[in-house]
Each structure stands twice: as structure tokens, then as C-alpha cells.
Amino acid sequence: MQIESSRFGSITIAEDQVITFRHGLIGLCDVTRFVLLSAGKDSLFYWLQALEDPNVAFLVTDPNLFFKDYDVPIREETQDELNLADTKDGRVLVICNRVGEWLTGNLLGPLIINTASQLGEQVVLTAEKKWTCRQPLMKLQSEQSKARAAA
């Protein structure tokens, strides 16, 4: 299947790569179908590209690459909604944002994806006090720093 993206142009993907978020994402409930695209070879990040809107894509990552003790308790109703027989079969990703010199992850609103059925849901962790919606993941290298490193 052919999809359009404002970032990547026209892309061919297999139908089984489509991830369906039946309720959309928080603040974006009308967009329900996405595909996960690699952000580059050996990258820790992916692009979650919307199929319905070529202008909608989110940078996402596995939060456990940055925080080994990050854990998402998956409620029984979420498991049922995702047809997730075992929570270990779920993939957890977080949406990333740039905040000043930092790349942050929304650790209070993780995405849970059943990798077998390609169903996903964004959950809200209300009881968690350790993490934030702008949890620093890594400091970004400034253009000036990149120029010095290249010299």
C-alpha cells in the first residue's frame, strides 16, 4: 500500500504494518491508523506516521532504553481492548518532544502496542509520581557544537 508523508514523501508499506489506535491518540482522536518508520540505521527512535494525515508524525522511542526501571501497569480492560493475552507481548513506546536543549519523552502517556494484532492504545498513568510528561531523555547537540565537532 502507498502512503503519503510530508516528511518522507511517498512510502510503500505492507498492510500488516498498520497500527490501529481505535480511540486515536490523546488530543487527536480522529487519526487512528499509523505506521512505525525507522528514524535511521541504528537509531533509538522511530517515526509514528499517521496514514490519514500526511502532516502528522510523532518521534517515538522505547523508554526502557533510557530508564531500565520504567514499567507500565496495563489494566485488564486495556489488555482486553488490545487482545493482549500476555502483557509481555505488548510493546511500549513514548512520544518525544524537544524542550529547549533536551529531547524529552511523555512517560505519563505511553503507547501500548500489541505486536501480533497491531492494535494500540495510549494510556494515562495517573498514579505515577516518579515520571513526567516531559521526562528528559537526552541533551540535544546544538548546531554550534556540531560545527566544532566537525572541524
N, C-alpha and C. Protein backbone atom coordinates (compact mmCIF):
# COMPACT_ATOMS: atom_id res chain seq x y z
N MET A 1 0.84 -1.17 0.00
CA MET A 1 0.00 0.00 0.00
C MET A 1 0.89 1.24 0.00
N GLN A 2 0.44 2.27 -0.64
CA GLN A 2 1.20 3.52 -0.79
C GLN A 2 0.61 4.56 0.17
N ILE A 3 1.48 5.23 0.96
CA ILE A 3 1.02 6.30 1.83
C ILE A 3 1.82 7.56 1.54
N GLU A 4 1.29 8.68 1.91
CA GLU A 4 1.97 9.96 1.73
C GLU A 4 2.39 10.51 3.09
N SER A 5 3.55 11.15 3.11
CA SER A 5 4.07 11.76 4.32
C SER A 5 4.74 13.07 3.95
N SER A 6 4.48 14.11 4.74
CA SER A 6 5.12 15.40 4.45
C SER A 6 6.61 15.34 4.74
N ARG A 7 7.05 14.44 5.63
CA ARG A 7 8.46 14.31 5.96
C ARG A 7 9.23 13.41 5.01
N PHE A 8 8.57 12.32 4.56
CA PHE A 8 9.27 11.27 3.82
C PHE A 8 8.78 11.08 2.40
N GLY A 9 7.78 11.85 1.99
CA GLY A 9 7.24 11.70 0.64
C GLY A 9 6.34 10.48 0.55
N SER A 10 6.34 9.86 -0.61
CA SER A 10 5.52 8.67 -0.85
C SER A 10 6.27 7.44 -0.35
N ILE A 11 5.58 6.61 0.44
CA ILE A 11 6.21 5.44 1.05
C ILE A 11 5.33 4.22 0.77
N THR A 12 5.98 3.11 0.46
CA THR A 12 5.26 1.85 0.29
C THR A 12 5.41 1.05 1.57
N ILE A 13 4.27 0.62 2.11
CA ILE A 13 4.29 -0.20 3.33
C ILE A 13 3.38 -1.42 3.11
N ALA A 14 3.62 -2.46 3.89
CA ALA A 14 2.75 -3.63 3.86
C ALA A 14 1.54 -3.35 4.75
N GLU A 15 0.41 -3.91 4.38
CA GLU A 15 -0.83 -3.72 5.13
C GLU A 15 -0.68 -4.16 6.59
N ASP A 16 0.14 -5.20 6.83
CA ASP A 16 0.29 -5.71 8.20
C ASP A 16 1.18 -4.82 9.07
N GLN A 17 1.72 -3.74 8.52
CA GLN A 17 2.50 -2.77 9.29
C GLN A 17 1.62 -1.70 9.92
N VAL A 18 0.37 -1.63 9.52
CA VAL A 18 -0.54 -0.60 10.01
C VAL A 18 -0.93 -0.89 11.45
N ILE A 19 -0.72 0.10 12.30
CA ILE A 19 -1.10 0.02 13.71
C ILE A 19 -2.37 0.83 13.89
N THR A 20 -3.39 0.22 14.47
CA THR A 20 -4.67 0.89 14.66
C THR A 20 -4.86 1.26 16.13
N PHE A 21 -5.02 2.55 16.37
CA PHE A 21 -5.38 3.07 17.69
C PHE A 21 -6.87 3.41 17.59
N ARG A 22 -7.71 2.50 18.02
CA ARG A 22 -9.17 2.64 17.84
C ARG A 22 -9.69 3.97 18.36
N HIS A 23 -9.11 4.49 19.44
CA HIS A 23 -9.57 5.75 20.04
C HIS A 23 -8.65 6.91 19.66
N GLY A 24 -7.76 6.70 18.73
CA GLY A 24 -6.80 7.73 18.36
C GLY A 24 -5.81 7.95 19.49
N LEU A 25 -5.11 9.06 19.43
CA LEU A 25 -4.19 9.45 20.48
C LEU A 25 -4.80 10.63 21.23
N ILE A 26 -4.29 10.90 22.40
CA ILE A 26 -4.83 11.99 23.21
C ILE A 26 -4.72 13.30 22.42
N GLY A 27 -5.83 13.97 22.27
CA GLY A 27 -5.87 15.23 21.52
C GLY A 27 -5.96 15.04 20.01
N LEU A 28 -6.01 13.80 19.56
CA LEU A 28 -6.02 13.51 18.12
C LEU A 28 -6.87 12.26 17.87
N CYS A 29 -8.11 12.30 18.31
CA CYS A 29 -8.95 11.10 18.28
C CYS A 29 -9.43 10.72 16.89
N ASP A 30 -9.36 11.63 15.91
CA ASP A 30 -9.83 11.32 14.55
C ASP A 30 -8.80 10.58 13.71
N VAL A 31 -7.56 10.56 14.16
CA VAL A 31 -6.50 9.87 13.41
C VAL A 31 -6.22 8.57 14.14
N THR A 32 -6.51 7.45 13.48
CA THR A 32 -6.45 6.16 14.16
C THR A 32 -5.47 5.17 13.55
N ARG A 33 -5.01 5.41 12.34
CA ARG A 33 -4.13 4.44 11.67
C ARG A 33 -2.74 5.05 11.47
N PHE A 34 -1.74 4.29 11.91
CA PHE A 34 -0.36 4.76 11.87
C PHE A 34 0.56 3.65 11.37
N VAL A 35 1.75 4.04 11.01
CA VAL A 35 2.81 3.08 10.69
C VAL A 35 4.06 3.54 11.41
N LEU A 36 4.86 2.59 11.83
CA LEU A 36 6.11 2.88 12.54
C LEU A 36 7.25 2.82 11.53
N LEU A 37 7.95 3.95 11.35
CA LEU A 37 9.05 4.03 10.40
C LEU A 37 10.36 4.26 11.14
N SER A 38 11.39 3.59 10.72
CA SER A 38 12.69 3.74 11.35
C SER A 38 13.21 5.16 11.11
N ALA A 39 13.81 5.74 12.14
CA ALA A 39 14.37 7.09 12.01
C ALA A 39 15.79 7.04 11.44
N GLY A 40 16.28 5.86 11.17
CA GLY A 40 17.63 5.72 10.60
C GLY A 40 18.29 4.46 11.11
N LYS A 41 19.30 4.03 10.38
CA LYS A 41 20.03 2.83 10.76
C LYS A 41 20.64 3.01 12.15
N ASP A 42 20.46 2.02 13.00
CA ASP A 42 20.98 2.03 14.38
C ASP A 42 20.40 3.14 15.24
N SER A 43 19.27 3.70 14.85
CA SER A 43 18.64 4.76 15.62
C SER A 43 17.83 4.17 16.78
N LEU A 44 17.76 4.92 17.86
CA LEU A 44 16.94 4.54 19.01
C LEU A 44 15.50 5.02 18.85
N PHE A 45 15.23 5.69 17.74
CA PHE A 45 13.95 6.35 17.54
C PHE A 45 13.24 5.86 16.29
N TYR A 46 11.93 6.09 16.28
CA TYR A 46 11.06 5.77 15.14
C TYR A 46 10.14 6.95 14.91
N TRP A 47 9.57 6.99 13.72
CA TRP A 47 8.50 7.94 13.44
C TRP A 47 7.19 7.18 13.41
N LEU A 48 6.21 7.64 14.16
CA LEU A 48 4.87 7.10 14.14
C LEU A 48 4.09 8.00 13.17
N GLN A 49 3.98 7.54 11.93
CA GLN A 49 3.39 8.33 10.85
C GLN A 49 1.91 8.00 10.70
N ALA A 50 1.08 9.03 10.71
CA ALA A 50 -0.37 8.85 10.51
C ALA A 50 -0.65 8.55 9.05
N LEU A 51 -1.57 7.62 8.80
CA LEU A 51 -1.97 7.31 7.44
C LEU A 51 -3.01 8.29 6.92
N GLU A 52 -3.90 8.77 7.81
CA GLU A 52 -4.98 9.65 7.38
C GLU A 52 -4.53 11.09 7.13
N ASP A 53 -3.41 11.48 7.71
CA ASP A 53 -2.94 12.87 7.57
C ASP A 53 -1.43 12.87 7.37
N PRO A 54 -0.95 13.19 6.17
CA PRO A 54 0.49 13.15 5.89
C PRO A 54 1.32 14.12 6.73
N ASN A 55 0.66 15.09 7.36
CA ASN A 55 1.37 16.08 8.18
C ASN A 55 1.55 15.65 9.63
N VAL A 56 0.96 14.52 10.02
CA VAL A 56 1.01 14.08 11.42
C VAL A 56 1.99 12.92 11.57
N ALA A 57 3.05 13.18 12.30
CA ALA A 57 4.03 12.14 12.63
C ALA A 57 4.66 12.50 13.97
N PHE A 58 4.89 11.50 14.78
CA PHE A 58 5.48 11.70 16.10
C PHE A 58 6.77 10.92 16.21
N LEU A 59 7.78 11.54 16.79
CA LEU A 59 9.01 10.83 17.10
C LEU A 59 8.73 10.01 18.36
N VAL A 60 9.04 8.71 18.32
CA VAL A 60 8.78 7.83 19.46
C VAL A 60 10.03 6.99 19.76
N THR A 61 10.09 6.48 20.98
CA THR A 61 11.19 5.61 21.37
C THR A 61 10.72 4.65 22.45
N ASP A 62 11.54 3.63 22.68
CA ASP A 62 11.31 2.68 23.76
C ASP A 62 11.88 3.32 25.03
N PRO A 63 11.06 3.63 26.02
CA PRO A 63 11.56 4.31 27.22
C PRO A 63 12.54 3.47 28.04
N ASN A 64 12.49 2.14 27.89
CA ASN A 64 13.40 1.28 28.65
C ASN A 64 14.84 1.39 28.17
N LEU A 65 15.06 1.97 27.01
CA LEU A 65 16.42 2.23 26.55
C LEU A 65 17.08 3.33 27.39
N PHE A 66 16.25 4.17 28.00
CA PHE A 66 16.73 5.29 28.80
C PHE A 66 16.53 5.07 30.30
N PHE A 67 15.48 4.33 30.66
CA PHE A 67 15.12 4.12 32.07
C PHE A 67 14.80 2.64 32.27
N LYS A 68 15.74 1.90 32.79
CA LYS A 68 15.58 0.44 32.97
C LYS A 68 14.44 0.10 33.93
N ASP A 69 14.12 1.01 34.86
CA ASP A 69 13.07 0.73 35.85
C ASP A 69 11.69 1.25 35.45
N TYR A 70 11.56 1.74 34.21
CA TYR A 70 10.26 2.22 33.74
C TYR A 70 9.34 1.03 33.48
N ASP A 71 8.16 1.07 34.07
CA ASP A 71 7.22 -0.02 33.94
C ASP A 71 5.81 0.55 33.78
N VAL A 72 5.06 -0.02 32.86
CA VAL A 72 3.69 0.44 32.63
C VAL A 72 2.73 -0.65 33.11
N PRO A 73 1.99 -0.38 34.17
CA PRO A 73 0.97 -1.35 34.58
C PRO A 73 -0.20 -1.29 33.59
N ILE A 74 -0.48 -2.42 32.97
CA ILE A 74 -1.55 -2.45 31.97
C ILE A 74 -2.82 -3.01 32.62
N ARG A 75 -3.84 -2.19 32.65
CA ARG A 75 -5.11 -2.60 33.27
C ARG A 75 -5.78 -3.69 32.44
N GLU A 76 -6.61 -4.47 33.11
CA GLU A 76 -7.28 -5.60 32.45
C GLU A 76 -8.13 -5.15 31.26
N GLU A 77 -8.83 -4.03 31.40
CA GLU A 77 -9.67 -3.56 30.30
C GLU A 77 -8.83 -3.13 29.09
N THR A 78 -7.62 -2.60 29.34
CA THR A 78 -6.72 -2.25 28.24
C THR A 78 -6.22 -3.52 27.56
N GLN A 79 -5.89 -4.52 28.35
CA GLN A 79 -5.48 -5.81 27.79
C GLN A 79 -6.58 -6.38 26.89
N ASP A 80 -7.82 -6.32 27.36
CA ASP A 80 -8.94 -6.83 26.58
C ASP A 80 -9.12 -6.04 25.29
N GLU A 81 -9.03 -4.72 25.39
CA GLU A 81 -9.19 -3.84 24.22
C GLU A 81 -8.14 -4.13 23.15
N LEU A 82 -6.94 -4.47 23.59
CA LEU A 82 -5.83 -4.73 22.66
C LEU A 82 -5.69 -6.21 22.28
N ASN A 83 -6.58 -7.05 22.80
CA ASN A 83 -6.46 -8.50 22.58
C ASN A 83 -5.09 -9.00 23.02
N LEU A 84 -4.64 -8.49 24.14
CA LEU A 84 -3.31 -8.79 24.65
C LEU A 84 -3.41 -9.87 25.72
N ALA A 85 -3.14 -11.12 25.31
CA ALA A 85 -3.25 -12.25 26.23
C ALA A 85 -2.21 -12.16 27.35
N ASP A 86 -1.02 -11.69 27.01
CA ASP A 86 0.06 -11.57 27.99
C ASP A 86 0.67 -10.17 27.85
N THR A 87 0.78 -9.43 28.94
CA THR A 87 1.31 -8.06 28.88
C THR A 87 2.74 -8.03 28.33
N LYS A 88 3.45 -9.12 28.42
CA LYS A 88 4.82 -9.17 27.90
C LYS A 88 4.85 -9.10 26.36
N ASP A 89 3.70 -9.35 25.72
CA ASP A 89 3.60 -9.26 24.26
C ASP A 89 3.35 -7.83 23.79
N GLY A 90 3.16 -6.92 24.72
CA GLY A 90 2.91 -5.53 24.37
C GLY A 90 4.22 -4.77 24.23
N ARG A 91 4.27 -3.90 23.25
CA ARG A 91 5.43 -3.03 23.05
C ARG A 91 5.07 -1.66 23.60
N VAL A 92 5.98 -1.08 24.37
CA VAL A 92 5.74 0.23 24.97
C VAL A 92 6.63 1.25 24.27
N LEU A 93 6.02 2.33 23.82
CA LEU A 93 6.74 3.45 23.21
C LEU A 93 6.24 4.74 23.85
N VAL A 94 7.07 5.77 23.81
CA VAL A 94 6.64 7.09 24.29
C VAL A 94 6.89 8.13 23.21
N ILE A 95 6.03 9.12 23.16
CA ILE A 95 6.16 10.22 22.22
C ILE A 95 7.21 11.19 22.75
N CYS A 96 8.09 11.62 21.86
CA CYS A 96 9.19 12.52 22.22
C CYS A 96 8.91 13.94 21.75
N ASN A 97 9.45 14.89 22.48
CA ASN A 97 9.34 16.31 22.13
C ASN A 97 10.65 17.00 22.44
N ARG A 98 10.89 18.06 21.73
CA ARG A 98 12.05 18.90 22.04
C ARG A 98 11.59 19.98 23.01
N VAL A 99 12.31 20.09 24.12
CA VAL A 99 12.05 21.14 25.10
C VAL A 99 13.39 21.80 25.37
N GLY A 100 13.57 22.98 24.77
CA GLY A 100 14.86 23.67 24.90
C GLY A 100 15.97 22.84 24.30
N GLU A 101 16.99 22.56 25.10
CA GLU A 101 18.14 21.78 24.63
C GLU A 101 17.96 20.29 24.85
N TRP A 102 16.77 19.88 25.29
CA TRP A 102 16.54 18.49 25.65
C TRP A 102 15.51 17.81 24.76
N LEU A 103 15.73 16.52 24.52
CA LEU A 103 14.71 15.67 23.93
C LEU A 103 14.05 14.98 25.10
N THR A 104 12.73 15.12 25.20
CA THR A 104 12.00 14.56 26.33
C THR A 104 11.03 13.50 25.85
N GLY A 105 10.58 12.67 26.78
CA GLY A 105 9.59 11.65 26.47
C GLY A 105 8.39 11.79 27.40
N ASN A 106 7.22 11.55 26.86
CA ASN A 106 6.00 11.60 27.67
C ASN A 106 5.83 10.26 28.36
N LEU A 107 6.43 10.11 29.53
CA LEU A 107 6.37 8.86 30.27
C LEU A 107 5.06 8.69 31.04
N LEU A 108 4.22 9.72 31.05
CA LEU A 108 2.90 9.59 31.69
C LEU A 108 1.82 9.22 30.69
N GLY A 109 2.14 9.23 29.39
CA GLY A 109 1.16 8.89 28.35
C GLY A 109 1.74 7.91 27.36
N PRO A 110 2.21 6.74 27.83
CA PRO A 110 2.85 5.79 26.91
C PRO A 110 1.86 5.16 25.93
N LEU A 111 2.42 4.68 24.82
CA LEU A 111 1.66 3.95 23.82
C LEU A 111 1.91 2.46 24.06
N ILE A 112 0.85 1.67 24.11
CA ILE A 112 0.95 0.23 24.25
C ILE A 112 0.50 -0.37 22.92
N ILE A 113 1.34 -1.22 22.33
CA ILE A 113 1.02 -1.82 21.04
C ILE A 113 1.12 -3.33 21.15
N ASN A 114 0.05 -4.01 20.74
CA ASN A 114 0.08 -5.45 20.63
C ASN A 114 0.75 -5.76 19.30
N THR A 115 1.95 -6.30 19.35
CA THR A 115 2.73 -6.51 18.13
C THR A 115 2.14 -7.60 17.24
N ALA A 116 1.31 -8.47 17.80
CA ALA A 116 0.69 -9.53 17.00
C ALA A 116 -0.53 -9.01 16.23
N SER A 117 -1.40 -8.27 16.91
CA SER A 117 -2.63 -7.79 16.28
C SER A 117 -2.49 -6.39 15.68
N GLN A 118 -1.39 -5.69 16.01
CA GLN A 118 -1.16 -4.32 15.55
C GLN A 118 -2.24 -3.36 16.06
N LEU A 119 -2.78 -3.65 17.25
CA LEU A 119 -3.70 -2.73 17.91
C LEU A 119 -2.91 -1.95 18.94
N GLY A 120 -3.21 -0.65 19.06
CA GLY A 120 -2.51 0.18 20.01
C GLY A 120 -3.45 1.05 20.81
N GLU A 121 -2.95 1.51 21.93
CA GLU A 121 -3.72 2.42 22.77
C GLU A 121 -2.75 3.29 23.56
N GLN A 122 -3.10 4.56 23.67
CA GLN A 122 -2.33 5.44 24.54
C GLN A 122 -3.01 5.42 25.90
N VAL A 123 -2.22 5.15 26.94
CA VAL A 123 -2.76 5.12 28.29
C VAL A 123 -2.22 6.30 29.09
N VAL A 124 -2.93 6.65 30.15
CA VAL A 124 -2.50 7.74 31.02
C VAL A 124 -2.19 7.15 32.39
N LEU A 125 -0.98 7.36 32.84
CA LEU A 125 -0.56 6.87 34.15
C LEU A 125 -0.82 7.97 35.18
N THR A 126 -1.91 7.84 35.92
CA THR A 126 -2.30 8.89 36.86
C THR A 126 -1.69 8.71 38.24
N ALA A 127 -1.38 7.49 38.62
CA ALA A 127 -0.86 7.23 39.96
C ALA A 127 0.66 7.36 40.04
N GLU A 128 1.31 7.50 38.89
CA GLU A 128 2.77 7.52 38.85
C GLU A 128 3.30 8.90 39.24
N LYS A 129 4.19 8.94 40.23
CA LYS A 129 4.77 10.20 40.69
C LYS A 129 6.24 10.35 40.28
N LYS A 130 6.85 9.27 39.84
CA LYS A 130 8.28 9.28 39.52
C LYS A 130 8.57 9.91 38.16
N TRP A 131 7.65 9.76 37.21
CA TRP A 131 7.89 10.20 35.83
C TRP A 131 7.08 11.44 35.50
N THR A 132 7.44 12.10 34.40
CA THR A 132 6.72 13.29 33.95
C THR A 132 6.35 13.14 32.48
N CYS A 133 5.55 14.07 31.99
CA CYS A 133 5.21 14.08 30.57
C CYS A 133 6.30 14.75 29.74
N ARG A 134 7.30 15.29 30.42
CA ARG A 134 8.47 15.88 29.74
C ARG A 134 9.75 15.37 30.40
N GLN A 135 9.83 14.05 30.50
CA GLN A 135 10.98 13.41 31.14
C GLN A 135 12.21 13.56 30.23
N PRO A 136 13.27 14.20 30.70
CA PRO A 136 14.46 14.36 29.86
C PRO A 136 15.06 13.00 29.47
N LEU A 137 15.28 12.83 28.17
CA LEU A 137 15.89 11.61 27.65
C LEU A 137 17.36 11.83 27.30
N MET A 138 17.61 12.92 26.59
CA MET A 138 18.99 13.23 26.20
C MET A 138 19.12 14.70 25.83
N LYS A 139 20.30 15.22 26.09
CA LYS A 139 20.57 16.60 25.71
C LYS A 139 20.89 16.63 24.23
N LEU A 140 20.28 17.56 23.52
CA LEU A 140 20.49 17.69 22.08
C LEU A 140 21.77 18.46 21.82
N GLN A 141 22.43 18.08 20.77
CA GLN A 141 23.66 18.76 20.38
C GLN A 141 23.28 20.00 19.58
N SER A 142 23.79 21.14 20.00
CA SER A 142 23.48 22.39 19.30
C SER A 142 24.21 22.44 17.97
N GLU A 143 23.74 23.29 17.07
CA GLU A 143 24.38 23.44 15.75
C GLU A 143 25.84 23.89 15.93
N GLN A 144 26.08 24.76 16.93
CA GLN A 144 27.42 25.23 17.20
C GLN A 144 28.33 24.07 17.64
N SER A 145 27.81 23.19 18.48
CA SER A 145 28.58 22.02 18.93
C SER A 145 28.88 21.08 17.78
N LYS A 146 27.90 20.91 16.88
CA LYS A 146 28.09 20.03 15.72
C LYS A 146 29.19 20.60 14.82
N ALA A 147 29.19 21.93 14.65
CA ALA A 147 30.20 22.56 13.79
C ALA A 147 31.60 22.39 14.40
N ARG A 148 31.72 22.54 15.71
CA ARG A 148 33.01 22.35 16.37
C ARG A 148 33.49 20.92 16.24
N ALA A 149 32.57 19.96 16.39
CA ALA A 149 32.93 18.55 16.29
C ALA A 149 33.38 18.16 14.89
N ALA A 150 32.81 18.83 13.89
CA ALA A 150 33.16 18.52 12.51
C ALA A 150 34.49 19.13 12.09
N ALA A 151 34.91 20.18 12.81
CA ALA A 151 36.16 20.88 12.45
C ALA A 151 37.40 20.11 12.83
